[in-house]
Amino acid sequence: MKITDMKVAIIGNAPVVRITTDEGIDGIGSGQSSKPYLKPMFEFYRDMIIGKDPTDVERVMLGIRRMGAFKPWGTAVSAVEMALWDIAGKAAGLPVYKLLGGKIRDKVQVYNGVIRFERKGNEPEHYAENMQLMKDHPYNFSIIKQAVSFHGRMHGDSDDFYFGEPTFEGRHPDHPNRGPITPKGFRYMMACIEAMLDVLGDDVGLALDCGPGMTISDTLKMAKELEGSNIMWLEDTINGDFNPYVQADLYRQITPYTSTPIHTGEQIYLRQNFVELIERNAVNVLGPDPQDVGGLSEMKFVAEYADLHGIQFAPHGIFGGLIGLAAHVQLAATLPDNFIAFELPQARPEWWLDITEGGDVFEVIDSHIAVPDAPGLGLTFIPEEAKTYLREEDSDFFDN
């Protein structure tokens, strides 16, 4: 089998790749819906993979993996790898999880980082009301993540939340700031967190997306204050998200000195860039995104190595869409026992379910999704339906 072409289209704002072969089997992969601007980078890899056997996934990836970088620049590489596994699974008549070593769980746990309700205000009682709505959601989430500190735009709610000048510019305007939090700001942040904890009690774990931008001392102070609470992790307090670096030394000044779990990893590309975090036990929880880290087998390698060092695993994935969700489920079925849950992506817009076959199987019941057994990722496009949502410049996406 040989790759004959690779086409890229923006569908529902997400860059989607379709790899075709000389045996009529195709595979799909995608980036997040927040990254339509990456289409040219997807196309960059086309000539590097044509003519190769797509079922030799690692051999193909060796030719392009070195050409990616930290978030968002690893997305195209990740999507190509995803599509290769889809082809390999379809060619073998097996779900991807079988090719990744087989599943060790029949259903995978998800957490809520995407289903949101409009908050009526910014006081602790408003955070509590909002959390109650998420707790009452029919998916019955076991873990809910909420943004606080710099990630939660708390610095925009008050002129004196931190010692700095709030700025809301660039591609990711919600949290470009960094600096020490004022005493008043810290008390306000803790009051909001405590209000949410009161709602969740011991029934649902609370994860906090905190930065990047917090200082080491504020992170440690916050972590110490929350010891003994039902906190799953503090995510990306110092750096993370779109930061193109790791800085394990900074996390090493926090993690050993608190029992509150410290989390990072969504921006990191490739296994090599996790080595220092893992070998130095700089964090308690890692959260790579399969659509940024370099793909499914890349993320499994990171999870296995983290497991050897007693580090937990809670993958990121908020904007992954339906294709990202399918990939998450296949991968999570194979991860070691350090796997906690992955951040639930959704089919957005909802017409994604109308243009694909297989998307309706990812039903969330009691915070879990049953692992499907369809070949590949378990999703296929319905071209006549999907063409309705193609941009004019992508009209040949389903041509062979």
Protein backbone atom coordinates (compact mmCIF):
# COMPACT_ATOMS: atom_id res chain seq x y z
CA MET A 1 0.00 0.00 0.00
CA LYS A 2 1.25 3.47 -0.90
CA ILE A 3 0.11 6.98 -0.03
CA THR A 4 -1.16 8.71 -3.17
CA ASP A 5 -2.22 12.09 -1.81
CA MET A 6 -2.86 14.17 1.28
CA LYS A 7 -5.63 16.76 1.21
CA VAL A 8 -6.37 19.42 3.81
CA ALA A 9 -9.65 21.26 4.42
CA ILE A 10 -11.02 23.60 7.04
CA ILE A 11 -14.24 22.00 8.29
CA GLY A 12 -16.09 23.67 11.13
CA ASN A 13 -13.00 25.86 11.62
CA ALA A 14 -10.80 22.81 12.25
CA PRO A 15 -7.92 21.84 9.93
CA VAL A 16 -8.71 18.30 8.75
CA VAL A 17 -6.35 16.02 6.86
CA ARG A 18 -7.37 13.15 4.55
CA ILE A 19 -4.69 10.75 3.36
CA THR A 20 -5.53 8.56 0.36
CA THR A 21 -3.88 5.33 -0.82
CA ASP A 22 -3.55 3.23 -3.96
CA GLU A 23 -5.81 0.58 -2.39
CA GLY A 24 -8.75 2.93 -1.93
CA ILE A 25 -8.42 3.17 1.86
CA ASP A 26 -8.25 6.66 3.32
CA GLY A 27 -7.53 7.98 6.80
CA ILE A 28 -8.52 11.16 8.59
CA GLY A 29 -6.97 13.28 11.31
CA SER A 30 -7.53 16.80 12.56
CA GLY A 31 -6.25 19.70 14.58
CA GLN A 32 -8.26 21.75 17.02
CA SER A 33 -11.05 24.07 15.88
CA SER A 34 -9.02 26.96 17.32
CA LYS A 35 -6.30 26.51 14.67
CA PRO A 36 -7.63 27.04 11.13
CA TYR A 37 -4.53 29.15 10.42
CA LEU A 38 -2.42 25.97 10.40
CA LYS A 39 -3.70 24.76 7.02
CA PRO A 40 -0.48 25.76 5.18
CA MET A 41 1.60 23.84 7.71
CA PHE A 42 -0.54 20.73 7.16
CA GLU A 43 0.08 21.06 3.43
CA PHE A 44 3.82 21.43 4.05
CA TYR A 45 4.09 17.71 4.87
CA ARG A 46 2.31 16.43 1.75
CA ASP A 47 5.34 15.76 -0.44
CA MET A 48 7.21 14.20 2.48
CA ILE A 49 4.78 11.30 2.84
CA ILE A 50 3.51 10.55 -0.69
CA GLY A 51 4.71 7.18 -1.96
CA LYS A 52 5.30 5.73 1.50
CA ASP A 53 3.46 2.81 3.09
CA PRO A 54 0.97 4.38 5.55
CA THR A 55 0.81 1.22 7.65
CA ASP A 56 4.49 1.69 8.51
CA VAL A 57 3.40 4.50 10.79
CA GLU A 58 6.69 4.98 12.60
CA ARG A 59 8.75 4.99 9.41
CA VAL A 60 6.56 7.73 7.91
CA MET A 61 6.67 9.75 11.12
CA LEU A 62 10.47 9.59 11.30
CA GLY A 63 10.50 11.65 8.12
CA ILE A 64 8.36 14.52 9.43
CA ARG A 65 8.44 14.49 13.22
CA ARG A 66 11.58 16.62 13.43
CA MET A 67 9.80 19.36 11.44
CA GLY A 68 7.27 20.22 14.17
CA ALA A 69 7.53 22.24 17.38
CA PHE A 70 5.74 23.19 20.59
CA LYS A 71 2.05 24.15 20.51
CA PRO A 72 0.60 25.11 18.09
CA TRP A 73 3.23 23.91 15.61
CA GLY A 74 3.03 20.21 16.46
CA THR A 75 -0.62 19.97 15.46
CA ALA A 76 -0.06 19.12 11.79
CA VAL A 77 2.39 16.33 12.62
CA SER A 78 -0.06 14.96 15.18
CA ALA A 79 -2.95 14.99 12.72
CA VAL A 80 -0.94 13.17 10.05
CA GLU A 81 0.01 10.47 12.55
CA MET A 82 -3.64 10.13 13.57
CA ALA A 83 -4.65 9.62 9.93
CA LEU A 84 -1.94 6.99 9.43
CA TRP A 85 -3.26 4.96 12.34
CA ASP A 86 -6.75 5.30 10.90
CA ILE A 87 -5.54 3.80 7.61
CA ALA A 88 -3.59 1.04 9.37
CA GLY A 89 -6.63 0.07 11.41
CA LYS A 90 -8.96 0.07 8.41
CA ALA A 91 -6.48 -1.99 6.39
CA ALA A 92 -6.25 -4.56 9.18
CA GLY A 93 -9.97 -4.44 9.96
CA LEU A 94 -9.13 -3.54 13.56
CA PRO A 95 -9.71 -0.56 15.87
CA VAL A 96 -6.62 1.54 16.48
CA TYR A 97 -6.40 0.43 20.11
CA LYS A 98 -5.56 -3.10 18.90
CA LEU A 99 -2.57 -1.70 17.01
CA LEU A 100 -1.40 0.28 20.04
CA GLY A 101 -1.12 -2.83 22.20
CA GLY A 102 -4.74 -3.64 22.95
CA LYS A 103 -7.13 -2.15 25.46
CA ILE A 104 -6.84 -2.57 29.21
CA ARG A 105 -10.23 -0.92 29.89
CA ASP A 106 -13.59 -1.21 28.13
CA LYS A 107 -14.68 2.31 28.98
CA VAL A 108 -12.61 5.44 29.45
CA GLN A 109 -13.13 8.25 31.93
CA VAL A 110 -13.58 11.85 30.78
CA TYR A 111 -13.59 15.15 32.64
CA ASN A 112 -15.41 18.39 31.95
CA GLY A 113 -13.33 21.25 30.64
CA VAL A 114 -15.61 22.25 27.79
CA ILE A 115 -19.29 22.25 28.81
CA ARG A 116 -19.90 25.71 30.19
CA PHE A 117 -22.76 27.91 31.32
CA GLU A 118 -22.74 31.68 31.36
CA ARG A 119 -21.71 32.96 34.78
CA LYS A 120 -24.02 35.69 36.09
CA GLY A 121 -21.24 37.53 37.86
CA ASN A 122 -17.76 37.23 39.29
CA GLU A 123 -18.38 36.87 43.00
CA PRO A 124 -17.85 33.57 44.84
CA GLU A 125 -21.60 32.88 44.87
CA HIS A 126 -21.65 33.15 41.08
CA TYR A 127 -18.82 30.64 40.78
CA ALA A 128 -20.80 28.34 43.07
CA GLU A 129 -24.01 28.68 41.05
CA ASN A 130 -22.12 28.00 37.85
CA MET A 131 -20.42 24.95 39.32
CA GLN A 132 -23.77 23.58 40.45
CA LEU A 133 -25.02 23.70 36.85
CA MET A 134 -21.99 21.71 35.70
CA LYS A 135 -22.36 19.23 38.53
CA ASP A 136 -26.01 18.67 37.56
CA HIS A 137 -25.18 18.00 33.89
CA PRO A 138 -26.56 14.65 32.62
CA TYR A 139 -23.03 13.41 31.88
CA ASN A 140 -22.54 13.14 35.65
CA PHE A 141 -18.90 14.23 35.45
CA SER A 142 -16.50 12.82 38.03
CA ILE A 143 -14.08 15.74 37.55
CA ILE A 144 -14.82 19.34 36.54
CA LYS A 145 -12.12 21.80 35.55
CA GLN A 146 -12.59 25.51 36.10
CA ALA A 147 -10.36 28.44 35.22
CA VAL A 148 -9.06 30.71 37.98
CA SER A 149 -6.20 33.15 38.51
CA PHE A 150 -4.68 34.36 35.22
CA HIS A 151 -6.40 31.67 33.16
CA GLY A 152 -9.80 32.60 34.55
CA ARG A 153 -9.37 36.25 33.66
CA MET A 154 -9.74 37.15 37.32
CA HIS A 155 -7.17 39.85 36.68
CA GLY A 156 -9.76 41.47 34.41
CA ASP A 157 -12.42 41.54 37.12
CA SER A 158 -10.43 43.78 39.42
CA ASP A 159 -7.83 46.52 38.94
CA ASP A 160 -5.84 45.20 41.88
CA PHE A 161 -5.88 41.43 41.40
CA TYR A 162 -2.14 41.40 40.79
CA PHE A 163 0.83 43.74 40.61
CA GLY A 164 0.86 44.30 36.88
CA GLU A 165 -0.88 45.87 33.91
CA PRO A 166 -3.70 43.70 32.45
CA THR A 167 -3.41 43.22 28.70
CA PHE A 168 -5.84 41.45 26.41
CA GLU A 169 -4.10 41.13 23.08
CA GLY A 170 -2.86 38.52 20.66
CA ARG A 171 -4.22 35.14 19.61
CA HIS A 172 -4.96 34.01 23.18
CA PRO A 173 -6.17 37.14 25.00
CA ASP A 174 -7.51 35.54 28.18
CA HIS A 175 -4.23 35.01 30.01
CA PRO A 176 -1.17 36.82 28.66
CA ASN A 177 -0.22 38.28 32.06
CA ARG A 178 2.22 37.24 34.76
CA GLY A 179 3.23 38.55 38.14
CA PRO A 180 2.61 38.40 41.90
CA ILE A 181 -1.01 38.34 43.04
CA THR A 182 -2.02 41.00 45.56
CA PRO A 183 -3.25 39.98 49.05
CA LYS A 184 -6.73 41.15 48.08
CA GLY A 185 -6.60 39.24 44.81
CA PHE A 186 -5.41 36.08 46.53
CA ARG A 187 -8.24 36.22 49.09
CA TYR A 188 -10.77 36.73 46.30
CA MET A 189 -9.38 33.79 44.29
CA MET A 190 -9.44 31.49 47.31
CA ALA A 191 -13.01 32.53 48.17
CA CYS A 192 -14.13 31.59 44.65
CA ILE A 193 -12.36 28.23 44.86
CA GLU A 194 -13.81 27.47 48.27
CA ALA A 195 -17.29 28.30 47.02
CA MET A 196 -16.89 25.77 44.21
CA LEU A 197 -15.50 23.14 46.58
CA ASP A 198 -18.54 23.57 48.82
CA VAL A 199 -20.79 22.73 45.88
CA LEU A 200 -18.81 19.68 44.77
CA GLY A 201 -18.14 18.25 48.22
CA ASP A 202 -16.69 14.75 48.04
CA ASP A 203 -18.79 13.80 45.02
CA VAL A 204 -16.87 15.47 42.20
CA GLY A 205 -13.18 16.38 41.93
CA LEU A 206 -12.26 19.99 41.16
CA ALA A 207 -9.36 20.69 38.78
CA LEU A 208 -8.10 24.26 38.49
CA ASP A 209 -6.63 25.76 35.32
CA CYS A 210 -4.51 28.52 36.79
CA GLY A 211 -2.18 30.16 34.31
CA PRO A 212 0.36 30.47 32.96
CA GLY A 213 1.63 33.52 34.76
CA MET A 214 1.61 32.75 38.48
CA THR A 215 4.81 33.13 40.47
CA ILE A 216 6.44 30.21 42.23
CA SER A 217 5.61 31.65 45.66
CA ASP A 218 1.93 32.27 44.79
CA THR A 219 1.59 28.77 43.37
CA LEU A 220 3.06 27.20 46.49
CA LYS A 221 0.96 29.43 48.74
CA MET A 222 -2.18 28.43 46.86
CA ALA A 223 -1.26 24.75 46.86
CA LYS A 224 -0.61 24.78 50.63
CA GLU A 225 -3.91 26.55 51.30
CA LEU A 226 -5.76 23.84 49.33
CA GLU A 227 -4.14 20.82 50.97
CA GLY A 228 -6.78 18.44 52.23
CA SER A 229 -9.36 19.77 49.77
CA ASN A 230 -10.91 17.81 46.93
CA ILE A 231 -8.52 19.28 44.36
CA MET A 232 -7.49 17.02 41.48
CA TRP A 233 -4.68 19.29 40.25
CA LEU A 234 -3.42 22.83 39.69
CA GLU A 235 -2.78 23.14 35.96
CA ASP A 236 -0.17 25.30 34.23
CA THR A 237 0.35 27.74 37.10
CA ILE A 238 3.80 28.94 36.05
CA ASN A 239 3.89 28.14 32.36
CA GLY A 240 2.08 25.95 29.86
CA ASP A 241 -0.55 26.47 27.18
CA PHE A 242 1.31 28.32 24.38
CA ASN A 243 4.70 28.64 26.15
CA PRO A 244 7.39 26.99 23.94
CA TYR A 245 9.43 25.71 26.88
CA VAL A 246 9.20 23.43 29.93
CA GLN A 247 11.29 24.82 32.84
CA ALA A 248 11.19 21.80 35.13
CA ASP A 249 13.40 23.64 37.64
CA LEU A 250 10.55 26.04 38.45
CA TYR A 251 8.08 23.24 39.12
CA ARG A 252 10.68 21.51 41.27
CA GLN A 253 10.43 24.46 43.67
CA ILE A 254 6.73 23.65 44.22
CA THR A 255 5.82 19.99 43.75
CA PRO A 256 7.99 18.45 46.51
CA TYR A 257 6.62 20.89 49.11
CA THR A 258 2.87 20.32 48.82
CA SER A 259 0.42 17.45 48.69
CA THR A 260 -1.80 19.32 46.20
CA PRO A 261 -1.14 17.76 42.77
CA ILE A 262 0.68 19.96 40.25
CA HIS A 263 -0.09 19.52 36.53
CA THR A 264 1.32 20.69 33.19
CA GLY A 265 2.07 19.51 29.66
CA GLU A 266 -0.51 20.59 27.09
CA GLN A 267 1.95 22.73 25.12
CA ILE A 268 4.78 20.20 24.98
CA TYR A 269 5.78 18.54 21.70
CA LEU A 270 7.47 15.10 21.56
CA ARG A 271 8.58 12.65 24.22
CA GLN A 272 12.08 14.14 24.49
CA ASN A 273 10.68 17.34 25.95
CA PHE A 274 8.98 15.47 28.81
CA VAL A 275 12.15 13.74 30.00
CA GLU A 276 13.20 16.35 32.56
CA LEU A 277 9.70 16.79 34.00
CA ILE A 278 9.36 13.03 34.42
CA GLU A 279 12.83 12.01 35.56
CA ARG A 280 12.96 14.81 38.12
CA ASN A 281 9.36 14.25 39.28
CA ALA A 282 8.79 17.94 38.70
CA VAL A 283 5.00 17.52 38.53
CA ASN A 284 2.44 15.02 39.79
CA VAL A 285 0.20 14.97 36.71
CA LEU A 286 0.98 15.33 33.01
CA GLY A 287 -1.61 16.47 30.46
CA PRO A 288 -0.35 16.36 26.88
CA ASP A 289 -2.77 16.89 24.01
CA PRO A 290 -2.70 14.14 21.35
CA GLN A 291 -3.24 16.82 18.70
CA ASP A 292 -0.15 18.75 19.85
CA VAL A 293 2.28 16.21 21.31
CA GLY A 294 3.04 14.44 18.03
CA GLY A 295 0.27 11.86 17.85
CA LEU A 296 -1.14 8.81 19.57
CA SER A 297 1.91 6.56 19.83
CA GLU A 298 3.96 9.56 20.93
CA MET A 299 1.56 10.25 23.77
CA LYS A 300 1.44 6.62 24.80
CA PHE A 301 5.23 6.62 25.12
CA VAL A 302 5.03 9.65 27.43
CA ALA A 303 2.30 8.01 29.52
CA GLU A 304 4.28 4.78 29.92
CA TYR A 305 7.43 6.62 30.96
CA ALA A 306 5.48 8.81 33.38
CA ASP A 307 3.93 5.70 34.90
CA LEU A 308 7.39 4.29 35.65
CA HIS A 309 8.03 7.42 37.72
CA GLY A 310 4.73 7.49 39.62
CA ILE A 311 3.33 10.44 37.65
CA GLN A 312 -0.38 10.50 36.80
CA PHE A 313 -1.84 11.20 33.37
CA ALA A 314 -4.81 13.44 32.48
CA PRO A 315 -4.66 14.38 28.78
CA HIS A 316 -5.77 17.76 27.46
CA GLY A 317 -8.18 18.08 24.53
CA ILE A 318 -10.79 20.82 24.87
CA PHE A 319 -10.99 21.86 21.18
CA GLY A 320 -10.31 18.44 19.64
CA GLY A 321 -13.72 18.03 18.04
CA LEU A 322 -15.26 14.74 16.98
CA ILE A 323 -12.12 13.36 15.31
CA GLY A 324 -10.06 14.30 18.35
CA LEU A 325 -12.60 12.59 20.59
CA ALA A 326 -12.42 9.38 18.55
CA ALA A 327 -8.62 9.42 18.79
CA HIS A 328 -8.70 10.11 22.53
CA VAL A 329 -10.97 7.13 23.18
CA GLN A 330 -8.82 4.73 21.17
CA LEU A 331 -5.65 5.87 22.93
CA ALA A 332 -7.08 6.06 26.45
CA ALA A 333 -8.21 2.43 26.18
CA THR A 334 -4.53 1.42 26.00
CA LEU A 335 -2.92 3.73 28.56
CA PRO A 336 -1.40 2.36 31.78
CA ASP A 337 -2.97 2.64 35.21
CA ASN A 338 -1.67 6.17 35.74
CA PHE A 339 -4.46 7.36 33.41
CA ILE A 340 -7.04 9.44 35.29
CA ALA A 341 -9.32 10.91 32.61
CA PHE A 342 -9.06 12.97 29.45
CA GLU A 343 -10.62 16.36 28.80
CA LEU A 344 -13.80 15.78 26.82
CA PRO A 345 -13.86 17.25 23.30
CA GLN A 346 -17.25 17.60 21.63
CA ALA A 347 -18.73 17.44 18.15
CA ARG A 348 -19.03 21.16 17.55
CA PRO A 349 -20.83 22.35 15.53
CA GLU A 350 -23.35 19.54 16.06
CA TRP A 351 -23.66 18.95 12.31
CA TRP A 352 -20.41 16.97 12.60
CA LEU A 353 -22.67 14.07 13.60
CA ASP A 354 -24.57 14.50 10.32
CA ILE A 355 -21.50 14.38 8.08
CA THR A 356 -19.83 11.33 9.63
CA GLU A 357 -20.64 7.72 10.35
CA GLY A 358 -19.65 6.37 13.76
CA GLY A 359 -19.76 9.64 15.71
CA ASP A 360 -22.92 8.74 17.56
CA VAL A 361 -21.24 5.99 19.59
CA PHE A 362 -19.31 8.33 21.86
CA GLU A 363 -22.07 8.73 24.42
CA VAL A 364 -20.99 9.89 27.87
CA ILE A 365 -22.59 7.90 30.69
CA ASP A 366 -21.51 8.60 34.25
CA SER A 367 -18.36 10.37 33.03
CA HIS A 368 -17.28 7.41 30.87
CA ILE A 369 -17.35 6.49 27.18
CA ALA A 370 -17.49 2.87 26.01
CA VAL A 371 -14.64 2.00 23.64
CA PRO A 372 -16.00 1.19 20.15
CA ASP A 373 -14.68 -1.66 17.99
CA ALA A 374 -15.06 -0.20 14.49
CA PRO A 375 -11.89 -0.32 12.34
CA GLY A 376 -9.43 2.56 12.52
CA LEU A 377 -10.53 5.55 14.58
CA GLY A 378 -14.12 4.46 14.06
CA LEU A 379 -15.15 7.52 12.03
CA THR A 380 -15.76 7.94 8.31
CA PHE A 381 -17.01 10.95 6.38
CA ILE A 382 -20.27 10.90 4.42
CA PRO A 383 -18.90 12.90 1.47
CA GLU A 384 -22.24 14.01 0.04
CA GLU A 385 -23.18 15.49 3.42
CA ALA A 386 -19.75 16.86 4.32
CA LYS A 387 -19.30 18.68 1.00
CA THR A 388 -21.97 21.14 2.13
CA TYR A 389 -19.55 22.46 4.76
CA LEU A 390 -16.42 22.68 2.61
CA ARG A 391 -14.96 26.02 1.65
CA GLU A 392 -14.74 26.69 -2.08
CA GLU A 393 -10.97 26.31 -2.09
CA ASP A 394 -11.34 22.87 -0.47
CA SER A 395 -13.98 21.54 -2.88
CA ASP A 396 -11.71 18.67 -4.06
CA PHE A 397 -11.18 17.33 -0.53
CA PHE A 398 -13.11 14.11 -1.24
CA ASP A 399 -11.68 13.55 -4.71
CA ASN A 400 -9.37 10.53 -5.09
